[in-house]
Amino acid sequence: MSINARQEVSCPACAAQVEVEVSFSVNGGRHAHFREAILGGSYQRYACPACQQSFRLAPDLTYFDASRSQWILTRPPEEVDGWDEVEESASTIFAKAFGPLAPPAARALGDSLRVRVAFGWPALREKLACWDCGLDDVTLELCKLALVRSVDGAPLADDVELRLLGEREGKLHFIWINPVTEAISESLEVPRAVYDDIKADAEAWLPLHDVLASSSFVDMDRLLVEPVERDE
């Protein structure tokens, strides 16, 4: 099921109190309109009745779609520097819901699920778009790494990410996007053959592939963002 609750939040523009519906769990298989809203960028986006400014709540939820074998713990983009801790949290949550601590029927379903961690709406949307295109998300991240290295003037920065939007006419459509504001700075179209060549040359990419595939945070940020040190 999808789990939502009504809450009051402060409008980021004028600080007025706005009643909104906050999602804690989204079942994209049962509620296709939620899934389409995530892909379209409108999910949890609201207009302040006081100042009319549009704003979007940061994600802090689990996304589940049994029909597509997807389970994704999604957290606000600002938490990416604690990705190792969020991975541990994802393992604990999944173990109780679909893993060894779950009822037998849920455990049987859990065996088929791909478990992932994402930070921010663009990262969650990318996972859904990636699998919709029939792509392997580990190979996609390797493809993005290759693009960052090869594209002159690539605008990669602490507040800009390269994210896949989808595929059209044999080309992969990427955008450079701020994960917090979702402002798009540039777009990039790449022949699908670039991805296919990387997938075919698996041996050359094996060390990075193994790092990315080792757990649930399958994202190039795993290689670029050093986890913050936590107090014991």
Protein backbone atom coordinates (compact mmCIF):
# COMPACT_ATOMS: atom_id res chain seq x y z
CA MET A 1 0.00 0.00 0.00
CA SER A 2 0.91 3.70 -0.23
CA ILE A 3 1.12 5.46 3.15
CA ASN A 4 0.42 9.20 3.35
CA ALA A 5 -0.41 11.67 6.10
CA ARG A 6 -1.66 15.25 6.22
CA GLN A 7 0.84 17.65 7.77
CA GLU A 8 1.47 21.36 8.01
CA VAL A 9 4.74 22.65 6.54
CA SER A 10 6.22 26.11 6.11
CA CYS A 11 6.23 27.58 2.63
CA PRO A 12 9.91 28.08 1.66
CA ALA A 13 9.07 31.43 0.04
CA CYS A 14 6.87 33.19 2.60
CA ALA A 15 6.89 30.88 5.66
CA ALA A 16 3.09 30.53 5.65
CA GLN A 17 1.77 27.27 7.07
CA VAL A 18 0.49 25.01 4.29
CA GLU A 19 -1.37 21.74 4.79
CA VAL A 20 0.04 19.09 2.48
CA GLU A 21 -0.02 15.32 2.06
CA VAL A 22 3.33 13.75 2.91
CA SER A 23 4.23 10.32 1.53
CA PHE A 24 6.10 7.76 3.59
CA SER A 25 5.59 4.83 1.23
CA VAL A 26 4.57 4.73 -2.44
CA ASN A 27 3.28 1.58 -4.12
CA GLY A 28 3.92 2.40 -7.76
CA GLY A 29 2.49 -0.90 -8.95
CA ARG A 30 -0.92 -0.38 -7.36
CA HIS A 31 -1.06 3.38 -7.83
CA ALA A 32 0.13 4.08 -11.36
CA HIS A 33 -0.77 7.77 -11.10
CA PHE A 34 1.77 8.18 -8.27
CA ARG A 35 4.43 6.54 -10.44
CA GLU A 36 3.59 8.79 -13.39
CA ALA A 37 3.70 11.86 -11.15
CA ILE A 38 7.20 10.91 -9.95
CA LEU A 39 8.36 10.43 -13.54
CA GLY A 40 6.73 13.71 -14.55
CA GLY A 41 8.18 15.70 -11.66
CA SER A 42 4.88 16.70 -10.04
CA TYR A 43 4.70 14.31 -7.08
CA GLN A 44 4.56 16.13 -3.70
CA ARG A 45 4.62 19.50 -5.46
CA TYR A 46 2.29 22.14 -4.03
CA ALA A 47 1.33 25.77 -4.50
CA CYS A 48 1.28 28.02 -1.43
CA PRO A 49 -2.20 29.56 -1.05
CA ALA A 50 -0.66 32.67 0.54
CA CYS A 51 2.02 33.62 -2.02
CA GLN A 52 1.13 31.26 -4.90
CA GLN A 53 4.72 30.04 -5.12
CA SER A 54 5.21 26.40 -6.09
CA PHE A 55 7.36 24.20 -3.89
CA ARG A 56 8.14 20.52 -3.60
CA LEU A 57 8.67 18.44 -0.49
CA ALA A 58 11.93 16.52 -0.42
CA PRO A 59 11.44 12.75 -0.58
CA ASP A 60 11.73 10.65 2.56
CA LEU A 61 9.97 7.45 1.60
CA THR A 62 10.16 3.92 0.31
CA TYR A 63 9.09 3.24 -3.26
CA PHE A 64 7.76 -0.24 -3.98
CA ASP A 65 6.57 -1.88 -7.18
CA ALA A 66 6.22 -5.66 -7.02
CA SER A 67 5.30 -5.98 -10.70
CA ARG A 68 8.61 -4.37 -11.69
CA SER A 69 10.68 -5.89 -8.83
CA GLN A 70 11.57 -2.47 -7.40
CA TRP A 71 12.18 -1.37 -3.81
CA ILE A 72 13.91 2.00 -3.36
CA LEU A 73 14.57 3.85 -0.12
CA THR A 74 14.64 7.52 -1.10
CA ARG A 75 15.99 10.27 1.14
CA PRO A 76 16.52 14.03 0.73
CA PRO A 77 19.48 14.90 -1.52
CA GLU A 78 21.26 16.70 1.33
CA GLU A 79 21.77 13.34 3.05
CA VAL A 80 23.97 11.88 0.29
CA ASP A 81 27.15 12.44 2.32
CA GLY A 82 25.81 9.85 4.74
CA TRP A 83 25.05 7.27 2.06
CA ASP A 84 26.77 4.47 3.95
CA GLU A 85 24.52 5.01 6.96
CA VAL A 86 21.42 5.20 4.75
CA GLU A 87 22.45 1.91 3.12
CA GLU A 88 22.50 0.32 6.55
CA SER A 89 19.08 1.78 7.28
CA ALA A 90 17.75 0.42 3.98
CA SER A 91 19.01 -3.06 4.88
CA THR A 92 17.26 -2.91 8.25
CA ILE A 93 13.96 -1.65 6.82
CA PHE A 94 14.00 -4.19 4.00
CA ALA A 95 14.84 -7.05 6.36
CA LYS A 96 11.72 -6.29 8.41
CA ALA A 97 9.45 -5.76 5.38
CA PHE A 98 10.64 -8.40 2.90
CA GLY A 99 13.79 -10.01 4.30
CA PRO A 100 14.65 -12.53 7.00
CA LEU A 101 12.57 -10.74 9.67
CA ALA A 102 9.42 -10.64 7.51
CA PRO A 103 6.58 -13.20 7.29
CA PRO A 104 7.18 -16.09 4.84
CA ALA A 105 4.96 -14.68 2.08
CA ALA A 106 6.73 -11.33 2.19
CA ARG A 107 10.14 -13.04 2.20
CA ALA A 108 9.22 -14.93 -0.96
CA LEU A 109 8.35 -11.64 -2.65
CA GLY A 110 11.50 -10.01 -1.34
CA ASP A 111 13.68 -12.54 -3.16
CA SER A 112 12.64 -10.97 -6.46
CA LEU A 113 13.10 -7.31 -5.50
CA ARG A 114 15.98 -5.06 -6.52
CA VAL A 115 16.93 -3.06 -3.43
CA ARG A 116 18.23 0.44 -4.04
CA VAL A 117 18.96 3.70 -2.24
CA ALA A 118 18.40 7.08 -3.92
CA PHE A 119 18.84 10.69 -2.81
CA GLY A 120 16.40 13.25 -4.18
CA TRP A 121 13.61 13.17 -6.74
CA PRO A 122 15.90 13.25 -9.81
CA ALA A 123 17.72 10.14 -8.57
CA LEU A 124 14.47 8.25 -7.90
CA ARG A 125 13.05 9.28 -11.26
CA GLU A 126 16.25 8.12 -12.94
CA LYS A 127 15.95 4.64 -11.45
CA LEU A 128 12.42 4.26 -12.76
CA ALA A 129 13.35 5.64 -16.18
CA CYS A 130 16.47 3.46 -16.37
CA TRP A 131 14.53 0.26 -15.81
CA ASP A 132 11.71 1.41 -18.10
CA CYS A 133 14.32 1.68 -20.87
CA GLY A 134 15.51 -1.87 -20.17
CA LEU A 135 18.88 -0.65 -18.93
CA ASP A 136 21.04 -2.08 -16.16
CA ASP A 137 21.52 0.68 -13.60
CA VAL A 138 25.11 -0.35 -12.78
CA THR A 139 26.10 -0.08 -16.44
CA LEU A 140 24.23 3.22 -16.68
CA GLU A 141 26.36 4.68 -13.88
CA LEU A 142 29.51 3.52 -15.68
CA CYS A 143 28.19 5.20 -18.82
CA LYS A 144 27.66 8.43 -16.88
CA LEU A 145 31.20 8.25 -15.51
CA ALA A 146 32.51 7.89 -19.05
CA LEU A 147 30.47 10.90 -20.15
CA VAL A 148 31.71 13.07 -17.29
CA ARG A 149 35.28 12.22 -18.27
CA SER A 150 34.80 12.79 -21.99
CA VAL A 151 32.43 15.75 -22.35
CA ASP A 152 34.27 19.07 -22.54
CA GLY A 153 33.04 21.55 -19.97
CA ALA A 154 30.85 19.04 -18.16
CA PRO A 155 29.10 21.11 -15.44
CA LEU A 156 29.44 18.49 -12.72
CA ALA A 157 29.63 20.17 -9.31
CA ASP A 158 28.57 19.63 -5.71
CA ASP A 159 25.13 21.00 -6.58
CA VAL A 160 24.75 19.53 -10.10
CA GLU A 161 24.15 15.89 -11.08
CA LEU A 162 23.96 14.06 -14.38
CA ARG A 163 20.66 12.17 -14.56
CA LEU A 164 18.94 10.07 -17.21
CA LEU A 165 15.48 11.19 -18.31
CA GLY A 166 14.78 8.44 -20.82
CA GLU A 167 15.46 7.13 -24.31
CA ARG A 168 14.11 8.38 -27.63
CA GLU A 169 14.98 7.48 -31.20
CA GLY A 170 18.00 5.41 -30.17
CA LYS A 171 19.48 8.12 -27.96
CA LEU A 172 19.73 8.40 -24.19
CA HIS A 173 18.50 11.76 -22.93
CA PHE A 174 20.44 13.14 -19.94
CA ILE A 175 20.14 16.38 -18.00
CA TRP A 176 22.45 18.26 -15.65
CA ILE A 177 20.21 19.06 -12.69
CA ASN A 178 20.40 20.53 -9.20
CA PRO A 179 19.06 17.74 -6.93
CA VAL A 180 17.55 20.21 -4.44
CA THR A 181 15.97 22.90 -6.63
CA GLU A 182 15.62 20.61 -9.68
CA ALA A 183 16.85 23.47 -11.87
CA ILE A 184 18.19 22.08 -15.16
CA SER A 185 21.38 23.69 -16.45
CA GLU A 186 22.05 21.65 -19.59
CA SER A 187 20.82 18.61 -21.49
CA LEU A 188 22.75 15.94 -23.36
CA GLU A 189 21.76 13.29 -25.88
CA VAL A 190 24.02 10.27 -26.31
CA PRO A 191 23.66 7.36 -28.76
CA ARG A 192 22.43 4.20 -27.03
CA ALA A 193 25.49 2.54 -28.57
CA VAL A 194 27.70 4.27 -25.97
CA TYR A 195 25.89 2.37 -23.22
CA ASP A 196 25.89 -0.84 -25.26
CA ASP A 197 29.66 -0.64 -25.84
CA ILE A 198 30.34 -0.28 -22.12
CA LYS A 199 28.07 -3.22 -21.34
CA ALA A 200 29.84 -5.34 -23.98
CA ASP A 201 33.29 -4.39 -22.62
CA ALA A 202 32.50 -5.53 -19.09
CA GLU A 203 36.03 -6.68 -18.28
CA ALA A 204 37.51 -3.20 -18.78
CA TRP A 205 35.04 -1.77 -16.28
CA LEU A 206 35.08 -4.66 -13.83
CA PRO A 207 36.68 -2.93 -10.78
CA LEU A 208 34.24 0.00 -10.85
CA HIS A 209 31.36 -2.29 -11.75
CA ASP A 210 32.02 -4.44 -8.68
CA VAL A 211 32.12 -1.40 -6.38
CA LEU A 212 28.82 -0.05 -7.70
CA ALA A 213 27.13 -3.45 -7.67
CA SER A 214 28.33 -4.32 -4.17
CA SER A 215 25.28 -2.94 -2.37
CA SER A 216 22.15 -0.81 -2.68
CA PHE A 217 23.53 2.67 -3.44
CA VAL A 218 24.10 2.15 -7.16
CA ASP A 219 25.10 5.66 -8.16
CA MET A 220 28.24 7.36 -9.42
CA ASP A 221 28.10 9.51 -6.26
CA ARG A 222 29.20 6.39 -4.41
CA LEU A 223 32.58 6.93 -6.04
CA LEU A 224 32.61 10.72 -5.78
CA VAL A 225 31.13 11.49 -2.33
CA GLU A 226 33.19 10.55 0.71
CA PRO A 227 30.88 9.54 3.58
CA VAL A 228 31.06 11.87 6.57
CA GLU A 229 32.75 10.49 9.67
CA ARG A 230 30.29 9.81 12.46
CA ASP A 231 30.91 9.89 16.19
CA GLU A 232 31.13 6.45 17.73
